[in-house]
């Protein structure tokens, strides 16, 4: 099953942009994820188990490195790759 997760990260630090960019860069480094970044959120799509495993590890890393940070997420069982293919046909 495929999933699409829309995430927003709110680090509770004065310099909030570097932790957000670091998190997005780490997501982009993983094979098997489709990562789309917007001005207020990032969409992560892929195989459900893979996405959940990577998000869990990367969110934990962010909390360990930054300290307090808020993640807001929405989950949708949706195949973003298939939708893109249909839109390009």
PDB file of N, CA and C in Angstrom:
ATOM      1  N   UNK A   1       0.845  -1.179   0.000  1.00  0.00           N
ATOM      2  CA  UNK A   1       0.000   0.000   0.000  1.00  0.00           C
ATOM      3  C   UNK A   1       0.890   1.242   0.000  1.00  0.00           C
ATOM      4  N   UNK A   2       0.454   2.237  -0.695  1.00  0.00           N
ATOM      5  CA  UNK A   2       1.160   3.509  -0.780  1.00  0.00           C
ATOM      6  C   UNK A   2       0.564   4.508   0.208  1.00  0.00           C
ATOM      7  N   UNK A   3       1.389   5.464   0.625  1.00  0.00           N
ATOM      8  CA  UNK A   3       0.926   6.494   1.546  1.00  0.00           C
ATOM      9  C   UNK A   3       1.538   7.832   1.143  1.00  0.00           C
ATOM     10  N   UNK A   4       0.814   8.893   1.412  1.00  0.00           N
ATOM     11  CA  UNK A   4       1.334  10.248   1.265  1.00  0.00           C
ATOM     12  C   UNK A   4       1.169  10.924   2.625  1.00  0.00           C
ATOM     13  N   UNK A   5       2.259  11.490   3.124  1.00  0.00           N
ATOM     14  CA  UNK A   5       2.242  12.175   4.408  1.00  0.00           C
ATOM     15  C   UNK A   5       2.599  13.633   4.169  1.00  0.00           C
ATOM     16  N   UNK A   6       1.768  14.529   4.647  1.00  0.00           N
ATOM     17  CA  UNK A   6       2.066  15.955   4.587  1.00  0.00           C
ATOM     18  C   UNK A   6       2.546  16.375   5.971  1.00  0.00           C
ATOM     19  N   UNK A   7       3.778  16.879   6.036  1.00  0.00           N
ATOM     20  CA  UNK A   7       4.410  17.229   7.304  1.00  0.00           C
ATOM     21  C   UNK A   7       4.735  18.704   7.374  1.00  0.00           C
ATOM     22  N   UNK A   8       4.564  19.257   8.556  1.00  0.00           N
ATOM     23  CA  UNK A   8       5.082  20.590   8.874  1.00  0.00           C
ATOM     24  C   UNK A   8       5.914  20.435  10.139  1.00  0.00           C
ATOM     25  N   UNK A   9       7.079  21.062  10.152  1.00  0.00           N
ATOM     26  CA  UNK A   9       7.989  20.997  11.286  1.00  0.00           C
ATOM     27  C   UNK A   9       8.137  22.385  11.881  1.00  0.00           C
ATOM     28  N   UNK A  10       7.979  22.467  13.185  1.00  0.00           N
ATOM     29  CA  UNK A  10       8.115  23.722  13.908  1.00  0.00           C
ATOM     30  C   UNK A  10       9.139  23.540  15.020  1.00  0.00           C
ATOM     31  N   UNK A  11      10.432  23.760  14.728  1.00  0.00           N
ATOM     32  CA  UNK A  11      11.440  23.662  15.789  1.00  0.00           C
ATOM     33  C   UNK A  11      11.268  24.820  16.767  1.00  0.00           C
ATOM     34  N   UNK A  12      11.311  24.526  18.054  1.00  0.00           N
ATOM     35  CA  UNK A  12      11.128  25.566  19.068  1.00  0.00           C
ATOM     36  C   UNK A  12      12.482  26.153  19.455  1.00  0.00           C
ATOM     37  N   UNK A  13      13.137  26.732  18.448  1.00  0.00           N
ATOM     38  CA  UNK A  13      14.445  27.371  18.609  1.00  0.00           C
ATOM     39  C   UNK A  13      14.434  28.677  17.827  1.00  0.00           C
ATOM     40  N   UNK A  14      15.335  29.600  18.165  1.00  0.00           N
ATOM     41  CA  UNK A  14      15.399  30.887  17.464  1.00  0.00           C
ATOM     42  C   UNK A  14      15.773  30.724  15.994  1.00  0.00           C
ATOM     43  N   UNK A  15      16.772  29.913  15.717  1.00  0.00           N
ATOM     44  CA  UNK A  15      17.206  29.658  14.337  1.00  0.00           C
ATOM     45  C   UNK A  15      16.473  28.426  13.822  1.00  0.00           C
ATOM     46  N   UNK A  16      15.248  28.610  13.326  1.00  0.00           N
ATOM     47  CA  UNK A  16      14.397  27.485  12.972  1.00  0.00           C
ATOM     48  C   UNK A  16      14.586  26.970  11.546  1.00  0.00           C
ATOM     49  N   UNK A  17      15.111  27.786  10.634  1.00  0.00           N
ATOM     50  CA  UNK A  17      15.234  27.354   9.240  1.00  0.00           C
ATOM     51  C   UNK A  17      16.271  26.231   9.065  1.00  0.00           C
ATOM     52  N   UNK A  18      17.461  26.306   9.668  1.00  0.00           N
ATOM     53  CA  UNK A  18      18.428  25.216   9.467  1.00  0.00           C
ATOM     54  C   UNK A  18      17.905  23.825   9.872  1.00  0.00           C
ATOM     55  N   UNK A  19      17.222  23.657  11.006  1.00  0.00           N
ATOM     56  CA  UNK A  19      16.710  22.312  11.314  1.00  0.00           C
ATOM     57  C   UNK A  19      15.662  21.829  10.313  1.00  0.00           C
ATOM     58  N   UNK A  20      14.838  22.739   9.815  1.00  0.00           N
ATOM     59  CA  UNK A  20      13.830  22.361   8.821  1.00  0.00           C
ATOM     60  C   UNK A  20      14.512  21.923   7.540  1.00  0.00           C
ATOM     61  N   UNK A  21      15.490  22.698   7.074  1.00  0.00           N
ATOM     62  CA  UNK A  21      16.191  22.360   5.841  1.00  0.00           C
ATOM     63  C   UNK A  21      16.956  21.052   5.989  1.00  0.00           C
ATOM     64  N   UNK A  22      17.555  20.845   7.148  1.00  0.00           N
ATOM     65  CA  UNK A  22      18.288  19.612   7.418  1.00  0.00           C
ATOM     66  C   UNK A  22      17.356  18.405   7.339  1.00  0.00           C
ATOM     67  N   UNK A  23      16.183  18.524   7.936  1.00  0.00           N
ATOM     68  CA  UNK A  23      15.195  17.436   7.905  1.00  0.00           C
ATOM     69  C   UNK A  23      14.772  17.139   6.469  1.00  0.00           C
ATOM     70  N   UNK A  24      14.479  18.161   5.686  1.00  0.00           N
ATOM     71  CA  UNK A  24      14.070  17.970   4.290  1.00  0.00           C
ATOM     72  C   UNK A  24      15.201  17.348   3.481  1.00  0.00           C
ATOM     73  N   UNK A  25      16.425  17.808   3.685  1.00  0.00           N
ATOM     74  CA  UNK A  25      17.576  17.247   2.967  1.00  0.00           C
ATOM     75  C   UNK A  25      17.749  15.766   3.282  1.00  0.00           C
ATOM     76  N   UNK A  26      17.573  15.401   4.541  1.00  0.00           N
ATOM     77  CA  UNK A  26      17.692  13.991   4.915  1.00  0.00           C
ATOM     78  C   UNK A  26      16.592  13.157   4.262  1.00  0.00           C
ATOM     79  N   UNK A  27      15.376  13.676   4.215  1.00  0.00           N
ATOM     80  CA  UNK A  27      14.300  12.938   3.543  1.00  0.00           C
ATOM     81  C   UNK A  27      14.635  12.726   2.076  1.00  0.00           C
ATOM     82  N   UNK A  28      15.160  13.751   1.428  1.00  0.00           N
ATOM     83  CA  UNK A  28      15.510  13.646   0.008  1.00  0.00           C
ATOM     84  C   UNK A  28      16.636  12.660  -0.254  1.00  0.00           C
ATOM     85  N   UNK A  29      17.410  12.312   0.749  1.00  0.00           N
ATOM     86  CA  UNK A  29      18.536  11.398   0.546  1.00  0.00           C
ATOM     87  C   UNK A  29      18.111   9.929   0.525  1.00  0.00           C
ATOM     88  N   UNK A  30      16.861   9.635   0.864  1.00  0.00           N
ATOM     89  CA  UNK A  30      16.397   8.241   0.930  1.00  0.00           C
ATOM     90  C   UNK A  30      15.824   7.790  -0.409  1.00  0.00           C
ATOM     91  N   UNK A  31      16.295   6.633  -0.862  1.00  0.00           N
ATOM     92  CA  UNK A  31      15.744   6.008  -2.060  1.00  0.00           C
ATOM     93  C   UNK A  31      14.319   5.531  -1.772  1.00  0.00           C
ATOM     94  N   UNK A  32      13.451   5.607  -2.745  1.00  0.00           N
ATOM     95  CA  UNK A  32      12.103   5.090  -2.601  1.00  0.00           C
ATOM     96  C   UNK A  32      11.076   6.084  -2.095  1.00  0.00           C
ATOM     97  N   UNK A  33      11.524   7.296  -1.769  1.00  0.00           N
ATOM     98  CA  UNK A  33      10.586   8.330  -1.334  1.00  0.00           C
ATOM     99  C   UNK A  33      10.438   9.374  -2.427  1.00  0.00           C
ATOM    100  N   UNK A  34       9.235   9.871  -2.584  1.00  0.00           N
ATOM    101  CA  UNK A  34       8.971  11.034  -3.416  1.00  0.00           C
ATOM    102  C   UNK A  34       8.720  12.177  -2.449  1.00  0.00           C
ATOM    103  N   UNK A  35       9.582  13.192  -2.479  1.00  0.00           N
ATOM    104  CA  UNK A  35       9.508  14.308  -1.533  1.00  0.00           C
ATOM    105  C   UNK A  35       9.203  15.583  -2.315  1.00  0.00           C
ATOM    106  N   UNK A  36       8.125  16.250  -1.938  1.00  0.00           N
ATOM    107  CA  UNK A  36       7.718  17.507  -2.564  1.00  0.00           C
ATOM    108  C   UNK A  36       7.623  18.558  -1.474  1.00  0.00           C
ATOM    109  N   UNK A  37       8.408  19.620  -1.620  1.00  0.00           N
ATOM    110  CA  UNK A  37       8.443  20.655  -0.594  1.00  0.00           C
ATOM    111  C   UNK A  37       7.681  21.886  -1.052  1.00  0.00           C
ATOM    112  N   UNK A  38       6.807  22.376  -0.193  1.00  0.00           N
ATOM    113  CA  UNK A  38       6.050  23.601  -0.427  1.00  0.00           C
ATOM    114  C   UNK A  38       6.504  24.634   0.607  1.00  0.00           C
ATOM    115  N   UNK A  39       5.902  25.793   0.607  1.00  0.00           N
ATOM    116  CA  UNK A  39       6.342  26.855   1.519  1.00  0.00           C
ATOM    117  C   UNK A  39       6.027  26.552   2.991  1.00  0.00           C
ATOM    118  N   UNK A  40       4.987  25.786   3.263  1.00  0.00           N
ATOM    119  CA  UNK A  40       4.612  25.532   4.663  1.00  0.00           C
ATOM    120  C   UNK A  40       4.600  24.063   5.051  1.00  0.00           C
ATOM    121  N   UNK A  41       4.855  23.170   4.096  1.00  0.00           N
ATOM    122  CA  UNK A  41       4.836  21.743   4.411  1.00  0.00           C
ATOM    123  C   UNK A  41       5.645  20.964   3.387  1.00  0.00           C
ATOM    124  N   UNK A  42       5.875  19.712   3.699  1.00  0.00           N
ATOM    125  CA  UNK A  42       6.568  18.798   2.800  1.00  0.00           C
ATOM    126  C   UNK A  42       5.730  17.542   2.680  1.00  0.00           C
ATOM    127  N   UNK A  43       5.530  17.079   1.439  1.00  0.00           N
ATOM    128  CA  UNK A  43       4.789  15.849   1.198  1.00  0.00           C
ATOM    129  C   UNK A  43       5.776  14.728   0.930  1.00  0.00           C
ATOM    130  N   UNK A  44       5.596  13.616   1.624  1.00  0.00           N
ATOM    131  CA  UNK A  44       6.446  12.445   1.471  1.00  0.00           C
ATOM    132  C   UNK A  44       5.557  11.288   1.043  1.00  0.00           C
ATOM    133  N   UNK A  45       5.900  10.679  -0.089  1.00  0.00           N
ATOM    134  CA  UNK A  45       5.101   9.580  -0.617  1.00  0.00           C
ATOM    135  C   UNK A  45       5.984   8.377  -0.877  1.00  0.00           C
ATOM    136  N   UNK A  46       5.361   7.199  -0.789  1.00  0.00           N
ATOM    137  CA  UNK A  46       6.061   5.961  -1.087  1.00  0.00           C
ATOM    138  C   UNK A  46       5.349   4.790  -0.455  1.00  0.00           C
ATOM    139  N   UNK A  47       6.059   3.648  -0.416  1.00  0.00           N
ATOM    140  CA  UNK A  47       5.507   2.434   0.174  1.00  0.00           C
ATOM    141  C   UNK A  47       5.305   2.667   1.672  1.00  0.00           C
ATOM    142  N   UNK A  48       4.152   2.284   2.172  1.00  0.00           N
ATOM    143  CA  UNK A  48       3.729   2.625   3.529  1.00  0.00           C
ATOM    144  C   UNK A  48       4.784   2.291   4.582  1.00  0.00           C
ATOM    145  N   UNK A  49       5.245   1.060   4.602  1.00  0.00           N
ATOM    146  CA  UNK A  49       6.213   0.643   5.611  1.00  0.00           C
ATOM    147  C   UNK A  49       7.508   1.427   5.536  1.00  0.00           C
ATOM    148  N   UNK A  50       7.993   1.662   4.325  1.00  0.00           N
ATOM    149  CA  UNK A  50       9.234   2.409   4.132  1.00  0.00           C
ATOM    150  C   UNK A  50       9.082   3.849   4.621  1.00  0.00           C
ATOM    151  N   UNK A  51       8.001   4.504   4.220  1.00  0.00           N
ATOM    152  CA  UNK A  51       7.767   5.895   4.621  1.00  0.00           C
ATOM    153  C   UNK A  51       7.690   6.008   6.139  1.00  0.00           C
ATOM    154  N   UNK A  52       6.931   5.123   6.759  1.00  0.00           N
ATOM    155  CA  UNK A  52       6.758   5.193   8.209  1.00  0.00           C
ATOM    156  C   UNK A  52       8.076   4.932   8.937  1.00  0.00           C
ATOM    157  N   UNK A  53       8.872   3.983   8.441  1.00  0.00           N
ATOM    158  CA  UNK A  53      10.161   3.670   9.048  1.00  0.00           C
ATOM    159  C   UNK A  53      11.109   4.862   8.957  1.00  0.00           C
ATOM    160  N   UNK A  54      11.213   5.442   7.774  1.00  0.00           N
ATOM    161  CA  UNK A  54      12.117   6.578   7.576  1.00  0.00           C
ATOM    162  C   UNK A  54      11.656   7.784   8.378  1.00  0.00           C
ATOM    163  N   UNK A  55      10.364   8.090   8.342  1.00  0.00           N
ATOM    164  CA  UNK A  55       9.863   9.241   9.100  1.00  0.00           C
ATOM    165  C   UNK A  55      10.128   9.070  10.591  1.00  0.00           C
ATOM    166  N   UNK A  56       9.907   7.883  11.108  1.00  0.00           N
ATOM    167  CA  UNK A  56      10.156   7.638  12.520  1.00  0.00           C
ATOM    168  C   UNK A  56      11.608   7.915  12.888  1.00  0.00           C
ATOM    169  N   UNK A  57      12.522   7.419  12.085  1.00  0.00           N
ATOM    170  CA  UNK A  57      13.947   7.618  12.358  1.00  0.00           C
ATOM    171  C   UNK A  57      14.352   9.075  12.209  1.00  0.00           C
ATOM    172  N   UNK A  58      13.882   9.726  11.166  1.00  0.00           N
ATOM    173  CA  UNK A  58      14.286  11.112  10.915  1.00  0.00           C
ATOM    174  C   UNK A  58      13.631  12.082  11.894  1.00  0.00           C
ATOM    175  N   UNK A  59      12.411  11.803  12.304  1.00  0.00           N
ATOM    176  CA  UNK A  59      11.771  12.650  13.310  1.00  0.00           C
ATOM    177  C   UNK A  59      12.490  12.494  14.651  1.00  0.00           C
ATOM    178  N   UNK A  60      12.842  11.266  15.007  1.00  0.00           N
ATOM    179  CA  UNK A  60      13.587  11.057  16.244  1.00  0.00           C
ATOM    180  C   UNK A  60      14.930  11.792  16.202  1.00  0.00           C
ATOM    181  N   UNK A  61      15.621  11.693  15.070  1.00  0.00           N
ATOM    182  CA  UNK A  61      16.906  12.396  14.926  1.00  0.00           C
ATOM    183  C   UNK A  61      16.731  13.900  15.107  1.00  0.00           C
ATOM    184  N   UNK A  62      15.670  14.455  14.524  1.00  0.00           N
ATOM    185  CA  UNK A  62      15.408  15.890  14.674  1.00  0.00           C
ATOM    186  C   UNK A  62      15.195  16.245  16.134  1.00  0.00           C
ATOM    187  N   UNK A  63      14.409  15.458  16.845  1.00  0.00           N
ATOM    188  CA  UNK A  63      14.175  15.731  18.263  1.00  0.00           C
ATOM    189  C   UNK A  63      15.470  15.626  19.065  1.00  0.00           C
ATOM    190  N   UNK A  64      16.308  14.673  18.739  1.00  0.00           N
ATOM    191  CA  UNK A  64      17.580  14.517  19.453  1.00  0.00           C
ATOM    192  C   UNK A  64      18.524  15.687  19.182  1.00  0.00           C
ATOM    193  N   UNK A  65      18.554  16.162  17.934  1.00  0.00           N
ATOM    194  CA  UNK A  65      19.485  17.228  17.556  1.00  0.00           C
ATOM    195  C   UNK A  65      18.990  18.621  17.924  1.00  0.00           C
ATOM    196  N   UNK A  66      17.693  18.844  17.797  1.00  0.00           N
ATOM    197  CA  UNK A  66      17.133  20.185  17.974  1.00  0.00           C
ATOM    198  C   UNK A  66      16.614  20.398  19.389  1.00  0.00           C
ATOM    199  N   UNK A  67      16.157  19.346  20.003  1.00  0.00           N
ATOM    200  CA  UNK A  67      15.462  19.488  21.279  1.00  0.00           C
ATOM    201  C   UNK A  67      13.978  19.524  20.993  1.00  0.00           C
ATOM    202  N   UNK A  68      13.287  20.484  21.538  1.00  0.00           N
ATOM    203  CA  UNK A  68      11.846  20.541  21.339  1.00  0.00           C
ATOM    204  C   UNK A  68      11.500  20.998  19.930  1.00  0.00           C
ATOM    205  N   UNK A  69      10.619  20.233  19.296  1.00  0.00           N
ATOM    206  CA  UNK A  69      10.131  20.549  17.961  1.00  0.00           C
ATOM    207  C   UNK A  69       8.762  19.902  17.800  1.00  0.00           C
ATOM    208  N   UNK A  70       7.917  20.562  17.057  1.00  0.00           N
ATOM    209  CA  UNK A  70       6.568  20.068  16.816  1.00  0.00           C
ATOM    210  C   UNK A  70       6.482  19.582  15.370  1.00  0.00           C
ATOM    211  N   UNK A  71       5.949  18.380  15.176  1.00  0.00           N
ATOM    212  CA  UNK A  71       5.627  17.867  13.851  1.00  0.00           C
ATOM    213  C   UNK A  71       4.116  17.798  13.745  1.00  0.00           C
ATOM    214  N   UNK A  72       3.572  18.332  12.668  1.00  0.00           N
ATOM    215  CA  UNK A  72       2.147  18.212  12.375  1.00  0.00           C
ATOM    216  C   UNK A  72       2.060  17.409  11.086  1.00  0.00           C
ATOM    217  N   UNK A  73       1.262  16.337  11.101  1.00  0.00           N
ATOM    218  CA  UNK A  73       1.216  15.442   9.945  1.00  0.00           C
ATOM    219  C   UNK A  73      -0.211  15.056   9.579  1.00  0.00           C
ATOM    220  N   UNK A  74      -0.398  14.833   8.271  1.00  0.00           N
ATOM    221  CA  UNK A  74      -1.636  14.282   7.733  1.00  0.00           C
ATOM    222  C   UNK A  74      -1.238  13.064   6.901  1.00  0.00           C
ATOM    223  N   UNK A  75      -1.989  11.976   7.030  1.00  0.00           N
ATOM    224  CA  UNK A  75      -1.685  10.735   6.329  1.00  0.00           C
ATOM    225  C   UNK A  75      -2.838  10.378   5.397  1.00  0.00           C
ATOM    226  N   UNK A  76      -2.487   9.995   4.178  1.00  0.00           N
ATOM    227  CA  UNK A  76      -3.484   9.606   3.184  1.00  0.00           C
ATOM    228  C   UNK A  76      -2.976   8.375   2.446  1.00  0.00           C
ATOM    229  N   UNK A  77      -3.790   7.314   2.381  1.00  0.00           N
ATOM    230  CA  UNK A  77      -3.388   6.163   1.575  1.00  0.00           C
ATOM    231  C   UNK A  77      -3.619   6.524   0.108  1.00  0.00           C
ATOM    232  N   UNK A  78      -2.528   6.905  -0.548  1.00  0.00           N
ATOM    233  CA  UNK A  78      -2.574   7.524  -1.864  1.00  0.00           C
ATOM    234  C   UNK A  78      -1.290   7.209  -2.596  1.00  0.00           C
ATOM    235  N   UNK A  79      -1.365   6.851  -3.858  1.00  0.00           N
ATOM    236  CA  UNK A  79      -0.201   6.556  -4.670  1.00  0.00           C
ATOM    237  C   UNK A  79       0.139   7.790  -5.511  1.00  0.00           C
ATOM    238  N   UNK A  80       1.048   8.615  -5.016  1.00  0.00           N
ATOM    239  CA  UNK A  80       1.413   9.863  -5.693  1.00  0.00           C
ATOM    240  C   UNK A  80       2.093   9.601  -7.018  1.00  0.00           C
ATOM    241  N   UNK A  81       2.911   8.549  -7.119  1.00  0.00           N
ATOM    242  CA  UNK A  81       3.599   8.232  -8.368  1.00  0.00           C
ATOM    243  C   UNK A  81       2.590   7.876  -9.456  1.00  0.00           C
ATOM    244  N   UNK A  82       1.595   7.072  -9.112  1.00  0.00           N
ATOM    245  CA  UNK A  82       0.565   6.690 -10.080  1.00  0.00           C
ATOM    246  C   UNK A  82      -0.246   7.913 -10.500  1.00  0.00           C
ATOM    247  N   UNK A  83      -0.557   8.791  -9.579  1.00  0.00           N
ATOM    248  CA  UNK A  83      -1.308   9.997  -9.895  1.00  0.00           C
ATOM    249  C   UNK A  83      -0.518  10.885 -10.844  1.00  0.00           C
ATOM    250  N   UNK A  84       0.779  10.998 -10.628  1.00  0.00           N
ATOM    251  CA  UNK A  84       1.613  11.814 -11.536  1.00  0.00           C
ATOM    252  C   UNK A  84       1.637  11.213 -12.932  1.00  0.00           C
ATOM    253  N   UNK A  85       1.726   9.898 -13.029  1.00  0.00           N
ATOM    254  CA  UNK A  85       1.728   9.242 -14.334  1.00  0.00           C
ATOM    255  C   UNK A  85       0.427   9.522 -15.082  1.00  0.00           C
ATOM    256  N   UNK A  86      -0.715   9.434 -14.361  1.00  0.00           N
ATOM    257  CA  UNK A  86      -2.006   9.696 -14.986  1.00  0.00           C
ATOM    258  C   UNK A  86      -2.107  11.145 -15.470  1.00  0.00           C
ATOM    259  N   UNK A  87      -1.571  12.085 -14.690  1.00  0.00           N
ATOM    260  CA  UNK A  87      -1.617  13.491 -15.077  1.00  0.00           C
ATOM    261  C   UNK A  87      -0.733  13.800 -16.280  1.00  0.00           C
ATOM    262  N   UNK A  88       0.310  13.003 -16.477  1.00  0.00           N
ATOM    263  CA  UNK A  88       1.211  13.220 -17.608  1.00  0.00           C
ATOM    264  C   UNK A  88       0.744  12.539 -18.879  1.00  0.00           C
ATOM    265  N   UNK A  89      -0.269  11.664 -18.781  1.00  0.00           N
ATOM    266  CA  UNK A  89      -0.804  10.975 -19.977  1.00  0.00           C
ATOM    267  C   UNK A  89      -1.720  11.855 -20.770  1.00  0.00           C
TER     268      UNK A  89
END
